[in-house]
N, C-alpha and C. Protein backbone atom coordinates (compact mmCIF):
# COMPACT_ATOMS: atom_id res chain seq x y z
N UNK A 1 0.98 -1.20 -0.08
CA UNK A 1 0.02 0.03 0.09
C UNK A 1 0.91 1.17 -0.02
N UNK A 2 1.70 1.21 0.90
CA UNK A 2 2.80 2.39 1.07
C UNK A 2 3.63 2.62 -0.26
N UNK A 3 3.96 1.33 -0.80
CA UNK A 3 4.67 1.56 -2.12
C UNK A 3 3.83 1.99 -3.38
N UNK A 4 2.49 1.75 -3.32
CA UNK A 4 1.83 2.32 -4.40
C UNK A 4 1.55 3.74 -4.34
N UNK A 5 1.52 4.45 -3.03
CA UNK A 5 1.32 5.88 -2.78
C UNK A 5 2.58 6.46 -3.11
N UNK A 6 3.72 5.85 -2.84
CA UNK A 6 4.83 6.52 -3.19
C UNK A 6 5.19 6.39 -4.62
N UNK A 7 4.80 5.42 -5.32
CA UNK A 7 4.95 5.36 -6.87
C UNK A 7 3.89 6.49 -7.26
N UNK A 8 2.73 6.61 -6.83
CA UNK A 8 1.81 7.61 -7.55
C UNK A 8 2.21 8.99 -7.17
N UNK A 9 3.00 9.15 -6.04
CA UNK A 9 3.41 10.50 -5.61
C UNK A 9 4.46 10.74 -6.70
N UNK A 10 5.51 9.84 -6.76
CA UNK A 10 6.48 10.03 -7.79
C UNK A 10 5.86 10.29 -9.20
N UNK A 11 4.94 9.58 -9.79
CA UNK A 11 4.33 9.87 -10.89
C UNK A 11 3.68 11.41 -10.96
N UNK A 12 3.11 11.87 -10.00
CA UNK A 12 2.54 13.21 -9.91
C UNK A 12 3.70 14.26 -10.07
N UNK A 13 4.80 13.89 -9.21
CA UNK A 13 5.85 15.04 -9.28
C UNK A 13 6.60 14.91 -10.67
N UNK A 14 6.70 13.63 -11.34
CA UNK A 14 7.28 13.81 -12.74
C UNK A 14 6.16 14.31 -13.70
N UNK A 15 5.01 14.29 -13.57
CA UNK A 15 4.00 14.95 -14.27
C UNK A 15 4.03 16.52 -14.21
N UNK A 16 4.09 16.89 -13.10
CA UNK A 16 4.29 18.14 -12.76
C UNK A 16 5.54 18.85 -13.29
N UNK A 17 6.76 18.21 -13.38
CA UNK A 17 7.90 18.45 -13.81
C UNK A 17 7.66 18.76 -15.31
N UNK A 18 7.21 17.75 -15.98
CA UNK A 18 6.98 17.70 -17.34
C UNK A 18 5.87 18.88 -17.73
N UNK A 19 4.98 19.11 -17.07
CA UNK A 19 4.16 20.39 -17.36
C UNK A 19 4.85 21.60 -17.24
N UNK A 20 5.69 21.61 -16.18
CA UNK A 20 6.46 23.00 -15.93
C UNK A 20 7.45 23.08 -17.10
N UNK A 21 8.20 22.07 -17.60
CA UNK A 21 9.00 22.33 -18.62
C UNK A 21 8.27 22.71 -19.84
N UNK A 22 7.17 22.20 -20.15
CA UNK A 22 6.42 22.53 -21.42
C UNK A 22 5.78 23.89 -21.23
N UNK A 23 5.36 24.25 -19.97
CA UNK A 23 4.98 25.72 -19.85
C UNK A 23 6.05 26.77 -20.12
N UNK A 24 7.33 26.34 -19.81
CA UNK A 24 8.33 27.19 -19.78
C UNK A 24 8.91 27.08 -21.31
N UNK A 25 8.34 26.55 -22.16
CA UNK A 25 8.70 26.46 -23.57
C UNK A 25 10.14 25.74 -23.83
N UNK A 26 10.38 24.86 -22.89
CA UNK A 26 11.80 24.03 -23.14
C UNK A 26 11.63 23.30 -24.34
N UNK A 27 12.55 23.58 -25.14
CA UNK A 27 12.77 22.98 -26.62
C UNK A 27 13.07 21.49 -26.29
N UNK A 28 12.58 20.56 -27.40
CA UNK A 28 12.67 19.16 -27.34
C UNK A 28 14.16 19.06 -28.05
N UNK A 29 14.82 18.05 -27.53
CA UNK A 29 16.03 17.82 -28.31
C UNK A 29 15.81 16.88 -29.46
N UNK A 30 16.73 16.70 -30.23
CA UNK A 30 16.75 15.82 -31.30
C UNK A 30 16.37 14.32 -31.12
N UNK A 31 16.84 13.96 -29.95
CA UNK A 31 16.42 12.65 -29.49
C UNK A 31 15.09 12.40 -29.01
N UNK A 32 14.63 13.34 -28.73
CA UNK A 32 13.15 13.38 -27.97
C UNK A 32 12.22 13.35 -29.24
N UNK A 33 12.66 13.71 -30.44
CA UNK A 33 11.59 13.76 -31.46
C UNK A 33 12.04 12.63 -32.58
N UNK A 34 12.98 11.86 -32.50
CA UNK A 34 13.42 10.90 -33.55
C UNK A 34 13.50 9.54 -32.60
N UNK A 35 13.84 8.41 -33.45
CA UNK A 35 13.93 7.16 -32.93
C UNK A 35 15.45 7.16 -32.23
N UNK A 36 15.74 6.06 -31.83
CA UNK A 36 17.24 6.04 -31.23
C UNK A 36 18.45 6.09 -32.44
N UNK A 37 18.21 5.85 -33.53
CA UNK A 37 19.23 5.89 -34.59
C UNK A 37 18.92 7.25 -35.28
N UNK A 38 18.40 8.33 -34.79
CA UNK A 38 18.47 9.71 -35.38
C UNK A 38 17.60 9.78 -36.60
N UNK A 39 16.50 9.01 -36.70
CA UNK A 39 15.69 9.03 -37.96
C UNK A 39 14.42 9.43 -37.44
N UNK A 40 13.78 9.88 -38.26
CA UNK A 40 12.25 10.46 -38.11
C UNK A 40 11.37 9.17 -38.06
N UNK A 41 10.35 9.20 -37.16
CA UNK A 41 9.42 8.02 -37.15
C UNK A 41 8.30 8.13 -37.93
N UNK A 42 7.54 7.16 -38.32
CA UNK A 42 6.46 7.14 -39.17
C UNK A 42 5.35 8.19 -38.65
N UNK A 43 5.16 8.38 -37.38
CA UNK A 43 4.27 9.33 -36.89
C UNK A 43 4.78 10.66 -37.24
N UNK A 44 5.98 11.07 -37.05
CA UNK A 44 6.44 12.28 -37.35
C UNK A 44 6.46 12.64 -38.77
N UNK A 45 6.62 11.65 -39.69
CA UNK A 45 6.37 11.75 -41.13
C UNK A 45 5.02 12.12 -41.37
N UNK A 46 4.17 11.43 -40.82
CA UNK A 46 2.62 11.54 -41.08
C UNK A 46 2.21 13.03 -40.72
N UNK A 47 2.69 13.42 -39.69
CA UNK A 47 2.48 14.79 -39.16
C UNK A 47 3.02 15.73 -40.13
N UNK A 48 4.23 15.43 -40.51
CA UNK A 48 4.87 16.53 -41.44
C UNK A 48 3.86 16.59 -42.92
N UNK A 49 3.70 15.37 -43.42
CA UNK A 49 2.97 15.50 -44.60
C UNK A 49 1.43 16.08 -44.40
N UNK A 50 0.98 15.87 -43.42
CA UNK A 50 -0.42 16.57 -43.12
C UNK A 50 -0.13 17.81 -43.15
N UNK A 51 0.83 18.49 -42.41
CA UNK A 51 1.17 20.04 -42.35
C UNK A 51 1.59 20.49 -43.80
N UNK A 52 2.35 19.67 -44.41
CA UNK A 52 2.80 20.08 -45.82
C UNK A 52 1.97 20.20 -46.87
N UNK A 53 0.90 19.23 -46.99
CA UNK A 53 -0.20 19.24 -47.84
C UNK A 53 -1.43 20.08 -47.63
N UNK A 54 -1.63 20.15 -46.13
CA UNK A 54 -3.00 20.80 -45.70
C UNK A 54 -4.14 20.20 -46.18
N UNK A 55 -5.09 21.10 -46.51
CA UNK A 55 -6.47 20.68 -47.12
C UNK A 55 -6.37 20.89 -48.66
N UNK A 56 -5.50 21.63 -49.05
CA UNK A 56 -5.74 21.91 -50.57
C UNK A 56 -4.30 22.24 -51.21
N UNK A 57 -3.32 21.68 -50.47
CA UNK A 57 -1.97 21.50 -51.39
C UNK A 57 -0.96 22.52 -50.60
N UNK A 58 0.35 22.34 -50.80
CA UNK A 58 1.36 23.17 -50.17
C UNK A 58 1.10 24.56 -50.46
N UNK A 59 1.47 25.44 -49.66
CA UNK A 59 1.40 26.85 -49.70
C UNK A 59 2.97 27.27 -50.31
N UNK A 60 2.98 28.48 -50.84
CA UNK A 60 4.48 28.89 -51.34
C UNK A 60 5.55 28.61 -50.19
N UNK A 61 5.30 28.89 -48.89
CA UNK A 61 6.40 28.81 -47.89
C UNK A 61 6.83 27.33 -47.92
N UNK A 62 5.87 26.28 -47.82
CA UNK A 62 6.23 24.83 -47.84
C UNK A 62 6.98 24.49 -49.10
N UNK A 63 6.44 25.09 -50.24
CA UNK A 63 7.30 24.66 -51.67
C UNK A 63 8.63 25.30 -51.50
N UNK A 64 8.98 26.48 -51.06
CA UNK A 64 10.27 26.90 -51.00
C UNK A 64 11.22 26.32 -49.86
N UNK A 65 10.50 25.95 -48.60
CA UNK A 65 11.44 25.70 -47.64
C UNK A 65 11.42 24.05 -47.31
N UNK A 66 10.60 23.36 -47.68
CA UNK A 66 10.35 22.17 -47.28
C UNK A 66 10.31 20.96 -48.42
N UNK A 67 11.00 21.43 -49.55
CA UNK A 67 11.28 20.46 -50.68
C UNK A 67 12.71 20.46 -50.91
N UNK A 68 13.13 19.26 -51.27
CA UNK A 68 14.53 18.97 -51.69
C UNK A 68 14.92 19.85 -52.97
N UNK A 69 16.22 20.02 -53.07
CA UNK A 69 16.56 20.77 -54.37
C UNK A 69 16.41 19.86 -55.61
N UNK A 70 16.70 18.70 -55.40
CA UNK A 70 16.55 17.84 -56.54
C UNK A 70 14.99 17.74 -57.05
N UNK A 71 14.10 17.93 -55.97
CA UNK A 71 12.36 17.80 -56.40
C UNK A 71 12.21 19.14 -56.92
N UNK A 72 12.96 20.14 -56.56
CA UNK A 72 12.64 21.68 -57.01
C UNK A 72 13.01 21.64 -58.43
N UNK A 73 13.89 21.00 -58.84
CA UNK A 73 14.46 21.04 -60.32
C UNK A 73 13.54 20.20 -61.11
N UNK A 74 12.97 19.16 -60.60
CA UNK A 74 11.89 18.40 -61.45
C UNK A 74 10.67 19.29 -61.51
N UNK A 75 10.14 19.94 -60.47
CA UNK A 75 9.12 20.75 -60.51
C UNK A 75 9.16 22.05 -61.79
N UNK A 76 10.50 22.50 -61.75
CA UNK A 76 10.74 23.52 -62.76
C UNK A 76 10.62 23.13 -64.04
N UNK A 77 10.71 21.66 -64.37
CA UNK A 77 10.69 21.02 -65.68
C UNK A 77 9.19 20.72 -66.02
N UNK A 78 8.22 20.93 -65.14
CA UNK A 78 7.01 20.64 -65.40
C UNK A 78 5.82 22.01 -65.34
N UNK A 79 6.06 22.93 -66.34
CA UNK A 79 5.23 24.20 -66.32
C UNK A 79 3.87 23.77 -66.36
N UNK A 80 3.02 24.48 -65.86
CA UNK A 80 1.46 24.17 -65.91
C UNK A 80 1.00 22.67 -65.43
N UNK A 81 1.82 22.28 -64.58
CA UNK A 81 1.73 21.05 -63.92
C UNK A 81 2.16 21.07 -62.46
N UNK A 82 1.35 20.86 -61.43
CA UNK A 82 1.82 20.95 -60.10
C UNK A 82 2.25 19.42 -59.72
N UNK A 83 3.50 19.39 -59.93
CA UNK A 83 4.07 17.94 -59.59
C UNK A 83 3.95 17.71 -58.09
N UNK A 84 3.79 18.59 -57.19
CA UNK A 84 3.79 18.24 -55.62
C UNK A 84 2.17 17.78 -55.48
N UNK A 85 1.48 18.00 -56.47
CA UNK A 85 -0.02 17.54 -56.21
C UNK A 85 -0.23 16.42 -57.36
N UNK A 86 0.50 16.37 -58.40
CA UNK A 86 0.35 15.35 -59.49
C UNK A 86 -0.92 15.76 -60.18
N UNK A 87 -1.11 17.18 -60.53
CA UNK A 87 -2.35 17.65 -60.89
C UNK A 87 -2.07 19.11 -61.56
N UNK A 88 -3.15 19.49 -62.25
CA UNK A 88 -3.07 20.88 -62.63
C UNK A 88 -3.94 21.87 -61.84
N UNK A 89 -4.71 21.33 -61.10
CA UNK A 89 -5.68 22.31 -60.20
C UNK A 89 -5.56 22.05 -58.74
N UNK A 90 -6.32 22.82 -57.96
CA UNK A 90 -6.20 22.75 -56.49
C UNK A 90 -7.39 21.67 -56.16
N UNK A 91 -6.92 20.55 -55.36
CA UNK A 91 -7.85 19.67 -54.91
C UNK A 91 -8.88 20.09 -53.87
N UNK A 92 -10.10 19.84 -53.78
CA UNK A 92 -10.89 20.09 -52.80
C UNK A 92 -10.50 19.57 -51.36
N UNK A 93 -9.86 18.48 -51.24
CA UNK A 93 -9.44 18.01 -50.14
C UNK A 93 -8.29 16.87 -50.12
N UNK A 94 -7.32 16.75 -49.30
CA UNK A 94 -6.24 15.78 -49.33
C UNK A 94 -6.42 15.05 -48.08
N UNK A 95 -5.97 13.75 -48.13
CA UNK A 95 -5.73 12.78 -47.05
C UNK A 95 -4.39 12.17 -47.09
N UNK A 96 -3.76 12.04 -46.14
CA UNK A 96 -2.35 11.42 -46.10
C UNK A 96 -2.67 10.01 -45.67
N UNK A 97 -2.25 9.07 -46.29
CA UNK A 97 -2.38 7.53 -45.77
C UNK A 97 -1.24 7.25 -44.95
N UNK A 98 -1.37 5.87 -44.50
CA UNK A 98 -0.39 5.27 -43.57
C UNK A 98 1.25 5.41 -44.16
N UNK A 99 1.96 5.64 -43.16
CA UNK A 99 3.48 5.92 -43.65
C UNK A 99 4.07 4.71 -43.36
N UNK A 100 5.02 4.43 -44.33
CA UNK A 100 6.00 3.47 -44.28
C UNK A 100 7.31 3.74 -44.30
N UNK A 101 8.21 3.31 -43.47
CA UNK A 101 9.58 3.79 -43.36
C UNK A 101 10.46 2.42 -43.78
N UNK A 102 11.52 2.81 -44.55
CA UNK A 102 12.60 1.88 -44.72
C UNK A 102 13.91 2.51 -44.06
N UNK A 103 14.18 2.12 -42.78
CA UNK A 103 15.17 2.66 -42.08
C UNK A 103 16.45 2.55 -42.90
N UNK A 104 16.85 1.59 -43.43
CA UNK A 104 18.06 1.26 -44.07
C UNK A 104 18.19 2.11 -45.27
N UNK A 105 17.23 2.46 -46.10
CA UNK A 105 17.25 3.39 -47.12
C UNK A 105 16.96 4.89 -46.71
N UNK A 106 16.73 5.01 -45.39
CA UNK A 106 16.60 6.49 -44.84
C UNK A 106 15.54 7.19 -45.50
N UNK A 107 14.36 6.36 -45.89
CA UNK A 107 13.29 7.08 -46.58
C UNK A 107 11.86 6.70 -45.95
N UNK A 108 10.90 7.51 -45.90
CA UNK A 108 9.58 7.11 -45.59
C UNK A 108 8.59 7.51 -46.63
N UNK A 109 7.54 6.93 -46.81
CA UNK A 109 6.58 7.46 -47.76
C UNK A 109 5.03 6.84 -47.42
N UNK A 110 4.31 7.82 -48.20
CA UNK A 110 2.73 7.54 -47.75
C UNK A 110 2.06 7.87 -49.13
N UNK A 111 1.11 7.27 -49.26
CA UNK A 111 0.05 7.64 -50.13
C UNK A 111 -0.81 8.82 -49.98
N UNK A 112 -0.72 9.82 -50.86
CA UNK A 112 -1.58 11.11 -50.69
C UNK A 112 -2.52 10.81 -51.62
N UNK A 113 -3.95 11.07 -51.26
CA UNK A 113 -5.15 10.79 -51.95
C UNK A 113 -5.76 12.38 -51.97
N UNK A 114 -5.88 12.80 -53.19
CA UNK A 114 -6.62 14.00 -53.57
C UNK A 114 -7.96 13.78 -53.78
N UNK A 115 -8.97 14.63 -53.54
CA UNK A 115 -10.35 14.62 -53.68
C UNK A 115 -10.65 15.90 -54.42
N UNK A 116 -11.56 15.64 -55.60
CA UNK A 116 -11.68 16.70 -56.67
C UNK A 116 -13.24 17.08 -56.62
N UNK A 117 -13.54 18.38 -56.97
CA UNK A 117 -14.84 18.81 -57.03
C UNK A 117 -15.79 18.23 -56.02
N UNK A 118 -17.17 18.52 -56.45
CA UNK A 118 -18.11 17.74 -55.58
C UNK A 118 -18.36 16.31 -55.86
N UNK A 119 -17.56 15.74 -56.68
CA UNK A 119 -17.85 14.37 -57.10
C UNK A 119 -16.99 13.45 -56.48
N UNK A 120 -17.25 12.26 -56.39
CA UNK A 120 -16.42 11.31 -55.55
C UNK A 120 -15.21 11.11 -56.07
N UNK A 121 -14.69 11.54 -57.25
CA UNK A 121 -13.41 11.38 -57.89
C UNK A 121 -12.34 11.69 -57.03
N UNK A 122 -11.28 10.69 -57.06
CA UNK A 122 -10.09 10.84 -56.27
C UNK A 122 -8.92 10.41 -57.20
N UNK A 123 -7.79 11.06 -56.63
CA UNK A 123 -6.37 10.52 -57.42
C UNK A 123 -5.59 10.18 -56.33
N UNK A 124 -4.53 9.37 -56.56
CA UNK A 124 -3.50 9.17 -55.51
C UNK A 124 -2.12 9.07 -56.02
N UNK A 125 -1.08 9.55 -55.26
CA UNK A 125 0.32 9.52 -55.52
C UNK A 125 0.98 9.11 -54.37
N UNK A 126 2.33 8.86 -54.36
CA UNK A 126 3.11 8.87 -53.21
C UNK A 126 4.23 9.80 -53.11
N UNK A 127 4.25 10.17 -51.80
CA UNK A 127 5.24 11.20 -51.40
C UNK A 127 6.35 10.52 -50.34
N UNK A 128 7.59 11.03 -50.62
CA UNK A 128 8.75 10.33 -50.19
C UNK A 128 9.36 11.46 -49.22
N UNK A 129 9.78 11.09 -48.04
CA UNK A 129 10.54 12.10 -47.05
C UNK A 129 11.76 11.48 -46.57
N UNK A 130 12.64 12.30 -46.36
CA UNK A 130 13.99 11.77 -45.74
C UNK A 130 13.88 11.72 -44.41
N UNK A 131 14.39 10.49 -43.94
CA UNK A 131 14.19 10.13 -42.58
C UNK A 131 15.42 10.67 -41.61
N UNK A 132 16.52 11.27 -42.18
CA UNK A 132 17.53 11.93 -41.41
C UNK A 132 17.26 13.01 -40.37
N UNK A 133 17.26 12.40 -39.09
CA UNK A 133 16.77 13.37 -38.11
C UNK A 133 17.73 14.41 -37.67
N UNK A 134 18.83 14.49 -38.25
CA UNK A 134 19.82 15.43 -38.18
C UNK A 134 19.49 16.68 -38.86
N UNK A 135 18.54 16.52 -39.74
CA UNK A 135 18.27 17.62 -40.61
C UNK A 135 16.59 18.00 -40.71
N UNK A 136 16.04 19.08 -40.88
CA UNK A 136 14.68 19.27 -40.84
C UNK A 136 14.16 18.44 -41.83
N UNK A 137 12.80 17.90 -41.65
CA UNK A 137 11.99 17.21 -42.48
C UNK A 137 11.79 17.82 -43.75
N UNK A 138 11.97 17.11 -44.86
CA UNK A 138 11.61 17.78 -46.39
C UNK A 138 11.36 16.59 -47.18
N UNK A 139 10.57 17.08 -48.03
CA UNK A 139 9.91 16.12 -49.36
C UNK A 139 10.88 16.00 -50.16
N UNK A 140 11.24 14.60 -50.52
CA UNK A 140 12.29 14.29 -51.16
C UNK A 140 11.70 14.23 -52.71
N UNK A 141 10.72 13.46 -52.89
CA UNK A 141 10.22 13.24 -54.17
C UNK A 141 8.90 12.69 -54.27
N UNK A 142 8.05 12.83 -55.39
CA UNK A 142 6.69 12.35 -55.53
C UNK A 142 6.85 11.41 -56.72
N UNK A 143 5.89 10.44 -56.59
CA UNK A 143 5.76 9.38 -57.80
C UNK A 143 4.27 9.59 -58.12
N UNK A 144 3.88 10.06 -59.25
CA UNK A 144 2.35 10.36 -59.84
C UNK A 144 1.81 9.06 -60.16
N UNK A 145 2.40 8.02 -60.54
CA UNK A 145 2.04 6.70 -61.06
C UNK A 145 0.90 6.29 -59.97
N UNK A 146 -0.05 5.81 -60.36
CA UNK A 146 -1.03 5.17 -59.43
C UNK A 146 -0.34 3.80 -58.93
N UNK A 147 -0.54 3.77 -57.54
CA UNK A 147 -0.06 2.60 -56.82
C UNK A 147 -1.02 1.36 -57.48
N UNK A 148 -0.13 0.14 -57.10
CA UNK A 148 -0.74 -1.31 -57.62
C UNK A 148 -1.71 -1.71 -56.76
């Protein structure tokens, strides 16, 4: 009985300490936000892709700061076509699917589904993200070919 009260009190102290650190705006270290091998997790990538794509596609800031240089070169070669959305127009809504990570290849990916107009028409493509936790997350590539 005493042991459980001590454990409960210790848990409360730890929770209060965490709450105080969060309230003080203590920054999370790289190891707090990545796996033990300094790679981003599937959950972090999913969150990144949801923020990147939003409801209607990436805004100019995301396009400028969160896209790899290689992908920016590909985008420049597709005038009149939005390579990041694999489309020519802005979708009505966007969903990010389950993220898969290939730790050895240091890449993660998810299917991005776009919804169009008022109809049930959708399209899907794959977005690839760098897993290297020592750098900020960025979109590495997109594959506009429909998945199998």
